[in-house]
Structure formats: C-alpha cells, structure tokens
Amino acid sequence: MREVIIYHGEDNYWIAECPSLPGCISQGKTKEAAITNIKEAIHGYIAALKDDGLEVPKESFETLIVAV
C-alpha cells in the first residue's frame, strides 16, 4: 500500500502523487483515471528500482487535515 495525494490541477485534470516515491506523479481527466494512472506509475517506479538493484523506499505515513 502507498499513500497517494490527489488534487485538482490545471485544465481540470486530476493530479496524483506518491510522496514516498520522489517524482512519482501522474494525472487523469477524471479522479478515477488519475488513480488508475498513479497505480501504473507506482508499479513502474518500483520495477525500475528493482531492475537497477536499488532499495524500494518503505511506506510510512500520517495524514492530517489542517484548518487555516
């Protein structure tokens, strides 16, 4: 399991990022498409790390919503 942050970006696209995998980001025209695309991006990112013999970062997260 990986934490994914999803938010509305420019041009009405949804942006999805995986903070524990630096640079792992995707988008989609719908929220569902962005989620599907980030899942593929995460799998590809982890596969590339393994192919290069690099350690896959562990996931640990805490989510907060802060009122301002």
PDB file of N, CA and C in Angstrom:
ATOM      1  N   MET A   1       0.840  -1.179   0.000  1.00  0.00           N
ATOM      2  CA  MET A   1       0.000   0.000   0.000  1.00  0.00           C
ATOM      3  C   MET A   1       0.884   1.241   0.000  1.00  0.00           C
ATOM      4  N   ARG A   2       0.465   2.255  -0.700  1.00  0.00           N
ATOM      5  CA  ARG A   2       1.189   3.517  -0.795  1.00  0.00           C
ATOM      6  C   ARG A   2       0.219   4.669  -0.577  1.00  0.00           C
ATOM      7  N   GLU A   3       0.690   5.685   0.105  1.00  0.00           N
ATOM      8  CA  GLU A   3      -0.092   6.900   0.260  1.00  0.00           C
ATOM      9  C   GLU A   3      -0.067   7.647  -1.067  1.00  0.00           C
ATOM     10  N   VAL A   4      -1.222   8.113  -1.499  1.00  0.00           N
ATOM     11  CA  VAL A   4      -1.332   8.896  -2.718  1.00  0.00           C
ATOM     12  C   VAL A   4      -2.119  10.158  -2.385  1.00  0.00           C
ATOM     13  N   ILE A   5      -1.598  11.279  -2.832  1.00  0.00           N
ATOM     14  CA  ILE A   5      -2.288  12.552  -2.679  1.00  0.00           C
ATOM     15  C   ILE A   5      -2.883  12.900  -4.031  1.00  0.00           C
ATOM     16  N   ILE A   6      -4.152  13.244  -4.036  1.00  0.00           N
ATOM     17  CA  ILE A   6      -4.826  13.560  -5.289  1.00  0.00           C
ATOM     18  C   ILE A   6      -5.506  14.919  -5.145  1.00  0.00           C
ATOM     19  N   TYR A   7      -5.356  15.731  -6.185  1.00  0.00           N
ATOM     20  CA  TYR A   7      -5.940  17.070  -6.139  1.00  0.00           C
ATOM     21  C   TYR A   7      -6.223  17.563  -7.555  1.00  0.00           C
ATOM     22  N   HIS A   8      -7.092  18.549  -7.623  1.00  0.00           N
ATOM     23  CA  HIS A   8      -7.473  19.130  -8.913  1.00  0.00           C
ATOM     24  C   HIS A   8      -6.360  20.061  -9.369  1.00  0.00           C
ATOM     25  N   GLY A   9      -5.852  19.840 -10.562  1.00  0.00           N
ATOM     26  CA  GLY A   9      -4.795  20.668 -11.120  1.00  0.00           C
ATOM     27  C   GLY A   9      -5.339  21.611 -12.176  1.00  0.00           C
ATOM     28  N   GLU A  10      -4.435  22.085 -13.025  1.00  0.00           N
ATOM     29  CA  GLU A  10      -4.833  22.995 -14.095  1.00  0.00           C
ATOM     30  C   GLU A  10      -5.596  22.261 -15.187  1.00  0.00           C
ATOM     31  N   ASP A  11      -6.351  23.009 -15.959  1.00  0.00           N
ATOM     32  CA  ASP A  11      -7.103  22.468 -17.098  1.00  0.00           C
ATOM     33  C   ASP A  11      -8.048  21.341 -16.700  1.00  0.00           C
ATOM     34  N   ASN A  12      -8.532  21.365 -15.471  1.00  0.00           N
ATOM     35  CA  ASN A  12      -9.488  20.374 -14.955  1.00  0.00           C
ATOM     36  C   ASN A  12      -8.956  18.949 -14.917  1.00  0.00           C
ATOM     37  N   TYR A  13      -7.644  18.772 -14.908  1.00  0.00           N
ATOM     38  CA  TYR A  13      -7.056  17.449 -14.734  1.00  0.00           C
ATOM     39  C   TYR A  13      -6.882  17.168 -13.246  1.00  0.00           C
ATOM     40  N   TRP A  14      -6.938  15.901 -12.873  1.00  0.00           N
ATOM     41  CA  TRP A  14      -6.636  15.472 -11.513  1.00  0.00           C
ATOM     42  C   TRP A  14      -5.169  15.052 -11.465  1.00  0.00           C
ATOM     43  N   ILE A  15      -4.464  15.481 -10.445  1.00  0.00           N
ATOM     44  CA  ILE A  15      -3.059  15.160 -10.251  1.00  0.00           C
ATOM     45  C   ILE A  15      -2.967  14.164  -9.092  1.00  0.00           C
ATOM     46  N   ALA A  16      -2.142  13.148  -9.246  1.00  0.00           N
ATOM     47  CA  ALA A  16      -1.923  12.153  -8.196  1.00  0.00           C
ATOM     48  C   ALA A  16      -0.424  12.008  -7.973  1.00  0.00           C
ATOM     49  N   GLU A  17      -0.015  12.079  -6.713  1.00  0.00           N
ATOM     50  CA  GLU A  17       1.397  11.966  -6.343  1.00  0.00           C
ATOM     51  C   GLU A  17       1.567  10.920  -5.257  1.00  0.00           C
ATOM     52  N   CYS A  18       2.709  10.247  -5.277  1.00  0.00           N
ATOM     53  CA  CYS A  18       3.068   9.281  -4.244  1.00  0.00           C
ATOM     54  C   CYS A  18       4.293   9.821  -3.506  1.00  0.00           C
ATOM     55  N   PRO A  19       4.105  10.458  -2.348  1.00  0.00           N
ATOM     56  CA  PRO A  19       5.204  11.131  -1.654  1.00  0.00           C
ATOM     57  C   PRO A  19       6.379  10.233  -1.268  1.00  0.00           C
ATOM     58  N   SER A  20       6.136   8.956  -1.005  1.00  0.00           N
ATOM     59  CA  SER A  20       7.232   8.076  -0.591  1.00  0.00           C
ATOM     60  C   SER A  20       8.121   7.654  -1.755  1.00  0.00           C
ATOM     61  N   LEU A  21       7.690   7.964  -2.982  1.00  0.00           N
ATOM     62  CA  LEU A  21       8.472   7.672  -4.176  1.00  0.00           C
ATOM     63  C   LEU A  21       8.712   8.997  -4.906  1.00  0.00           C
ATOM     64  N   PRO A  22       9.781   9.697  -4.573  1.00  0.00           N
ATOM     65  CA  PRO A  22      10.027  11.039  -5.120  1.00  0.00           C
ATOM     66  C   PRO A  22       9.928  11.080  -6.647  1.00  0.00           C
ATOM     67  N   GLY A  23       9.119  12.017  -7.131  1.00  0.00           N
ATOM     68  CA  GLY A  23       8.946  12.176  -8.576  1.00  0.00           C
ATOM     69  C   GLY A  23       7.881  11.287  -9.172  1.00  0.00           C
ATOM     70  N   CYS A  24       7.268  10.431  -8.373  1.00  0.00           N
ATOM     71  CA  CYS A  24       6.219   9.540  -8.879  1.00  0.00           C
ATOM     72  C   CYS A  24       4.902  10.315  -8.873  1.00  0.00           C
ATOM     73  N   ILE A  25       4.522  10.771 -10.056  1.00  0.00           N
ATOM     74  CA  ILE A  25       3.344  11.612 -10.210  1.00  0.00           C
ATOM     75  C   ILE A  25       2.638  11.239 -11.508  1.00  0.00           C
ATOM     76  N   SER A  26       1.328  11.386 -11.510  1.00  0.00           N
ATOM     77  CA  SER A  26       0.562  11.112 -12.719  1.00  0.00           C
ATOM     78  C   SER A  26      -0.659  12.024 -12.722  1.00  0.00           C
ATOM     79  N   GLN A  27      -1.481  11.878 -13.735  1.00  0.00           N
ATOM     80  CA  GLN A  27      -2.684  12.705 -13.838  1.00  0.00           C
ATOM     81  C   GLN A  27      -3.742  11.970 -14.645  1.00  0.00           C
ATOM     82  N   GLY A  28      -4.933  12.525 -14.648  1.00  0.00           N
ATOM     83  CA  GLY A  28      -6.021  11.976 -15.445  1.00  0.00           C
ATOM     84  C   GLY A  28      -7.132  12.995 -15.568  1.00  0.00           C
ATOM     85  N   LYS A  29      -7.968  12.835 -16.587  1.00  0.00           N
ATOM     86  CA  LYS A  29      -9.087  13.765 -16.785  1.00  0.00           C
ATOM     87  C   LYS A  29     -10.145  13.600 -15.704  1.00  0.00           C
ATOM     88  N   THR A  30     -10.220  12.401 -15.127  1.00  0.00           N
ATOM     89  CA  THR A  30     -11.135  12.148 -14.019  1.00  0.00           C
ATOM     90  C   THR A  30     -10.321  11.653 -12.825  1.00  0.00           C
ATOM     91  N   LYS A  31     -10.944  11.713 -11.657  1.00  0.00           N
ATOM     92  CA  LYS A  31     -10.273  11.215 -10.457  1.00  0.00           C
ATOM     93  C   LYS A  31      -9.943   9.727 -10.616  1.00  0.00           C
ATOM     94  N   GLU A  32     -10.876   8.979 -11.176  1.00  0.00           N
ATOM     95  CA  GLU A  32     -10.665   7.541 -11.367  1.00  0.00           C
ATOM     96  C   GLU A  32      -9.504   7.275 -12.307  1.00  0.00           C
ATOM     97  N   ALA A  33      -9.396   8.057 -13.379  1.00  0.00           N
ATOM     98  CA  ALA A  33      -8.294   7.893 -14.332  1.00  0.00           C
ATOM     99  C   ALA A  33      -6.964   8.221 -13.669  1.00  0.00           C
ATOM    100  N   ALA A  34      -6.937   9.270 -12.853  1.00  0.00           N
ATOM    101  CA  ALA A  34      -5.704   9.637 -12.149  1.00  0.00           C
ATOM    102  C   ALA A  34      -5.276   8.524 -11.197  1.00  0.00           C
ATOM    103  N   ILE A  35      -6.231   7.895 -10.522  1.00  0.00           N
ATOM    104  CA  ILE A  35      -5.916   6.795  -9.604  1.00  0.00           C
ATOM    105  C   ILE A  35      -5.371   5.601 -10.375  1.00  0.00           C
ATOM    106  N   THR A  36      -6.009   5.259 -11.480  1.00  0.00           N
ATOM    107  CA  THR A  36      -5.519   4.158 -12.319  1.00  0.00           C
ATOM    108  C   THR A  36      -4.099   4.460 -12.806  1.00  0.00           C
ATOM    109  N   ASN A  37      -3.867   5.688 -13.248  1.00  0.00           N
ATOM    110  CA  ASN A  37      -2.562   6.065 -13.784  1.00  0.00           C
ATOM    111  C   ASN A  37      -1.479   6.084 -12.712  1.00  0.00           C
ATOM    112  N   ILE A  38      -1.793   6.523 -11.491  1.00  0.00           N
ATOM    113  CA  ILE A  38      -0.769   6.544 -10.448  1.00  0.00           C
ATOM    114  C   ILE A  38      -0.441   5.121 -10.010  1.00  0.00           C
ATOM    115  N   LYS A  39      -1.407   4.227 -10.034  1.00  0.00           N
ATOM    116  CA  LYS A  39      -1.117   2.816  -9.719  1.00  0.00           C
ATOM    117  C   LYS A  39      -0.098   2.262 -10.710  1.00  0.00           C
ATOM    118  N   GLU A  40      -0.295   2.546 -11.991  1.00  0.00           N
ATOM    119  CA  GLU A  40       0.653   2.100 -13.019  1.00  0.00           C
ATOM    120  C   GLU A  40       2.018   2.748 -12.806  1.00  0.00           C
ATOM    121  N   ALA A  41       2.026   4.033 -12.470  1.00  0.00           N
ATOM    122  CA  ALA A  41       3.287   4.745 -12.232  1.00  0.00           C
ATOM    123  C   ALA A  41       4.038   4.158 -11.040  1.00  0.00           C
ATOM    124  N   ILE A  42       3.318   3.826  -9.976  1.00  0.00           N
ATOM    125  CA  ILE A  42       3.939   3.225  -8.788  1.00  0.00           C
ATOM    126  C   ILE A  42       4.547   1.877  -9.141  1.00  0.00           C
ATOM    127  N   HIS A  43       3.803   1.041  -9.855  1.00  0.00           N
ATOM    128  CA  HIS A  43       4.333  -0.277 -10.256  1.00  0.00           C
ATOM    129  C   HIS A  43       5.586  -0.111 -11.114  1.00  0.00           C
ATOM    130  N   GLY A  44       5.555   0.816 -12.061  1.00  0.00           N
ATOM    131  CA  GLY A  44       6.707   1.056 -12.928  1.00  0.00           C
ATOM    132  C   GLY A  44       7.905   1.592 -12.157  1.00  0.00           C
ATOM    133  N   TYR A  45       7.673   2.491 -11.228  1.00  0.00           N
ATOM    134  CA  TYR A  45       8.724   3.087 -10.407  1.00  0.00           C
ATOM    135  C   TYR A  45       9.424   2.004  -9.588  1.00  0.00           C
ATOM    136  N   ILE A  46       8.626   1.176  -8.924  1.00  0.00           N
ATOM    137  CA  ILE A  46       9.187   0.105  -8.090  1.00  0.00           C
ATOM    138  C   ILE A  46       9.927  -0.908  -8.954  1.00  0.00           C
ATOM    139  N   ALA A  47       9.380  -1.257 -10.115  1.00  0.00           N
ATOM    140  CA  ALA A  47      10.056  -2.197 -11.017  1.00  0.00           C
ATOM    141  C   ALA A  47      11.401  -1.641 -11.470  1.00  0.00           C
ATOM    142  N   ALA A  48      11.454  -0.343 -11.776  1.00  0.00           N
ATOM    143  CA  ALA A  48      12.712   0.278 -12.213  1.00  0.00           C
ATOM    144  C   ALA A  48      13.751   0.256 -11.092  1.00  0.00           C
ATOM    145  N   LEU A  49      13.324   0.534  -9.858  1.00  0.00           N
ATOM    146  CA  LEU A  49      14.253   0.465  -8.727  1.00  0.00           C
ATOM    147  C   LEU A  49      14.822  -0.944  -8.583  1.00  0.00           C
ATOM    148  N   LYS A  50      13.953  -1.934  -8.641  1.00  0.00           N
ATOM    149  CA  LYS A  50      14.397  -3.328  -8.503  1.00  0.00           C
ATOM    150  C   LYS A  50      15.328  -3.723  -9.645  1.00  0.00           C
ATOM    151  N   ASP A  51      15.002  -3.312 -10.863  1.00  0.00           N
ATOM    152  CA  ASP A  51      15.849  -3.615 -12.021  1.00  0.00           C
ATOM    153  C   ASP A  51      17.241  -3.019 -11.868  1.00  0.00           C
ATOM    154  N   ASP A  52      17.312  -1.855 -11.216  1.00  0.00           N
ATOM    155  CA  ASP A  52      18.596  -1.181 -11.000  1.00  0.00           C
ATOM    156  C   ASP A  52      19.300  -1.634  -9.721  1.00  0.00           C
ATOM    157  N   GLY A  53      18.681  -2.588  -9.025  1.00  0.00           N
ATOM    158  CA  GLY A  53      19.273  -3.097  -7.792  1.00  0.00           C
ATOM    159  C   GLY A  53      19.207  -2.113  -6.636  1.00  0.00           C
ATOM    160  N   LEU A  54      18.269  -1.191  -6.695  1.00  0.00           N
ATOM    161  CA  LEU A  54      18.116  -0.192  -5.644  1.00  0.00           C
ATOM    162  C   LEU A  54      17.020  -0.589  -4.665  1.00  0.00           C
ATOM    163  N   GLU A  55      17.138  -0.098  -3.459  1.00  0.00           N
ATOM    164  CA  GLU A  55      16.162  -0.405  -2.421  1.00  0.00           C
ATOM    165  C   GLU A  55      14.869   0.375  -2.667  1.00  0.00           C
ATOM    166  N   VAL A  56      13.757  -0.287  -2.453  1.00  0.00           N
ATOM    167  CA  VAL A  56      12.450   0.352  -2.578  1.00  0.00           C
ATOM    168  C   VAL A  56      12.131   1.032  -1.244  1.00  0.00           C
ATOM    169  N   PRO A  57      11.888   2.339  -1.252  1.00  0.00           N
ATOM    170  CA  PRO A  57      11.577   3.031  -0.007  1.00  0.00           C
ATOM    171  C   PRO A  57      10.352   2.425   0.683  1.00  0.00           C
ATOM    172  N   LYS A  58      10.441   2.313   1.986  1.00  0.00           N
ATOM    173  CA  LYS A  58       9.300   1.814   2.753  1.00  0.00           C
ATOM    174  C   LYS A  58       8.271   2.917   2.862  1.00  0.00           C
ATOM    175  N   GLU A  59       7.042   2.494   2.985  1.00  0.00           N
ATOM    176  CA  GLU A  59       5.936   3.447   3.147  1.00  0.00           C
ATOM    177  C   GLU A  59       5.648   3.628   4.622  1.00  0.00           C
ATOM    178  N   SER A  60       5.614   4.839   5.045  1.00  0.00           N
ATOM    179  CA  SER A  60       5.093   5.151   6.373  1.00  0.00           C
ATOM    180  C   SER A  60       4.535   6.550   6.279  1.00  0.00           C
ATOM    181  N   PHE A  61       3.301   6.688   6.671  1.00  0.00           N
ATOM    182  CA  PHE A  61       2.664   7.979   6.508  1.00  0.00           C
ATOM    183  C   PHE A  61       1.695   8.264   7.627  1.00  0.00           C
ATOM    184  N   GLU A  62       1.468   9.522   7.797  1.00  0.00           N
ATOM    185  CA  GLU A  62       0.450  10.023   8.708  1.00  0.00           C
ATOM    186  C   GLU A  62      -0.211  11.178   7.972  1.00  0.00           C
ATOM    187  N   THR A  63      -1.509  11.160   7.901  1.00  0.00           N
ATOM    188  CA  THR A  63      -2.228  12.188   7.167  1.00  0.00           C
ATOM    189  C   THR A  63      -2.958  13.092   8.142  1.00  0.00           C
ATOM    190  N   LEU A  64      -2.829  14.364   7.904  1.00  0.00           N
ATOM    191  CA  LEU A  64      -3.520  15.357   8.711  1.00  0.00           C
ATOM    192  C   LEU A  64      -4.238  16.348   7.805  1.00  0.00           C
ATOM    193  N   ILE A  65      -5.337  16.840   8.260  1.00  0.00           N
ATOM    194  CA  ILE A  65      -6.002  17.950   7.599  1.00  0.00           C
ATOM    195  C   ILE A  65      -5.898  19.113   8.572  1.00  0.00           C
ATOM    196  N   VAL A  66      -5.353  20.226   8.076  1.00  0.00           N
ATOM    197  CA  VAL A  66      -5.130  21.380   8.930  1.00  0.00           C
ATOM    198  C   VAL A  66      -6.061  22.509   8.501  1.00  0.00           C
ATOM    199  N   ALA A  67      -6.848  23.012   9.426  1.00  0.00           N
ATOM    200  CA  ALA A  67      -7.730  24.138   9.146  1.00  0.00           C
ATOM    201  C   ALA A  67      -6.938  25.435   9.249  1.00  0.00           C
ATOM    202  N   VAL A  68      -7.081  26.290   8.254  1.00  0.00           N
ATOM    203  CA  VAL A  68      -6.399  27.590   8.273  1.00  0.00           C
ATOM    204  C   VAL A  68      -7.396  28.708   8.046  1.00  0.00           C
TER     205      VAL A  68
END
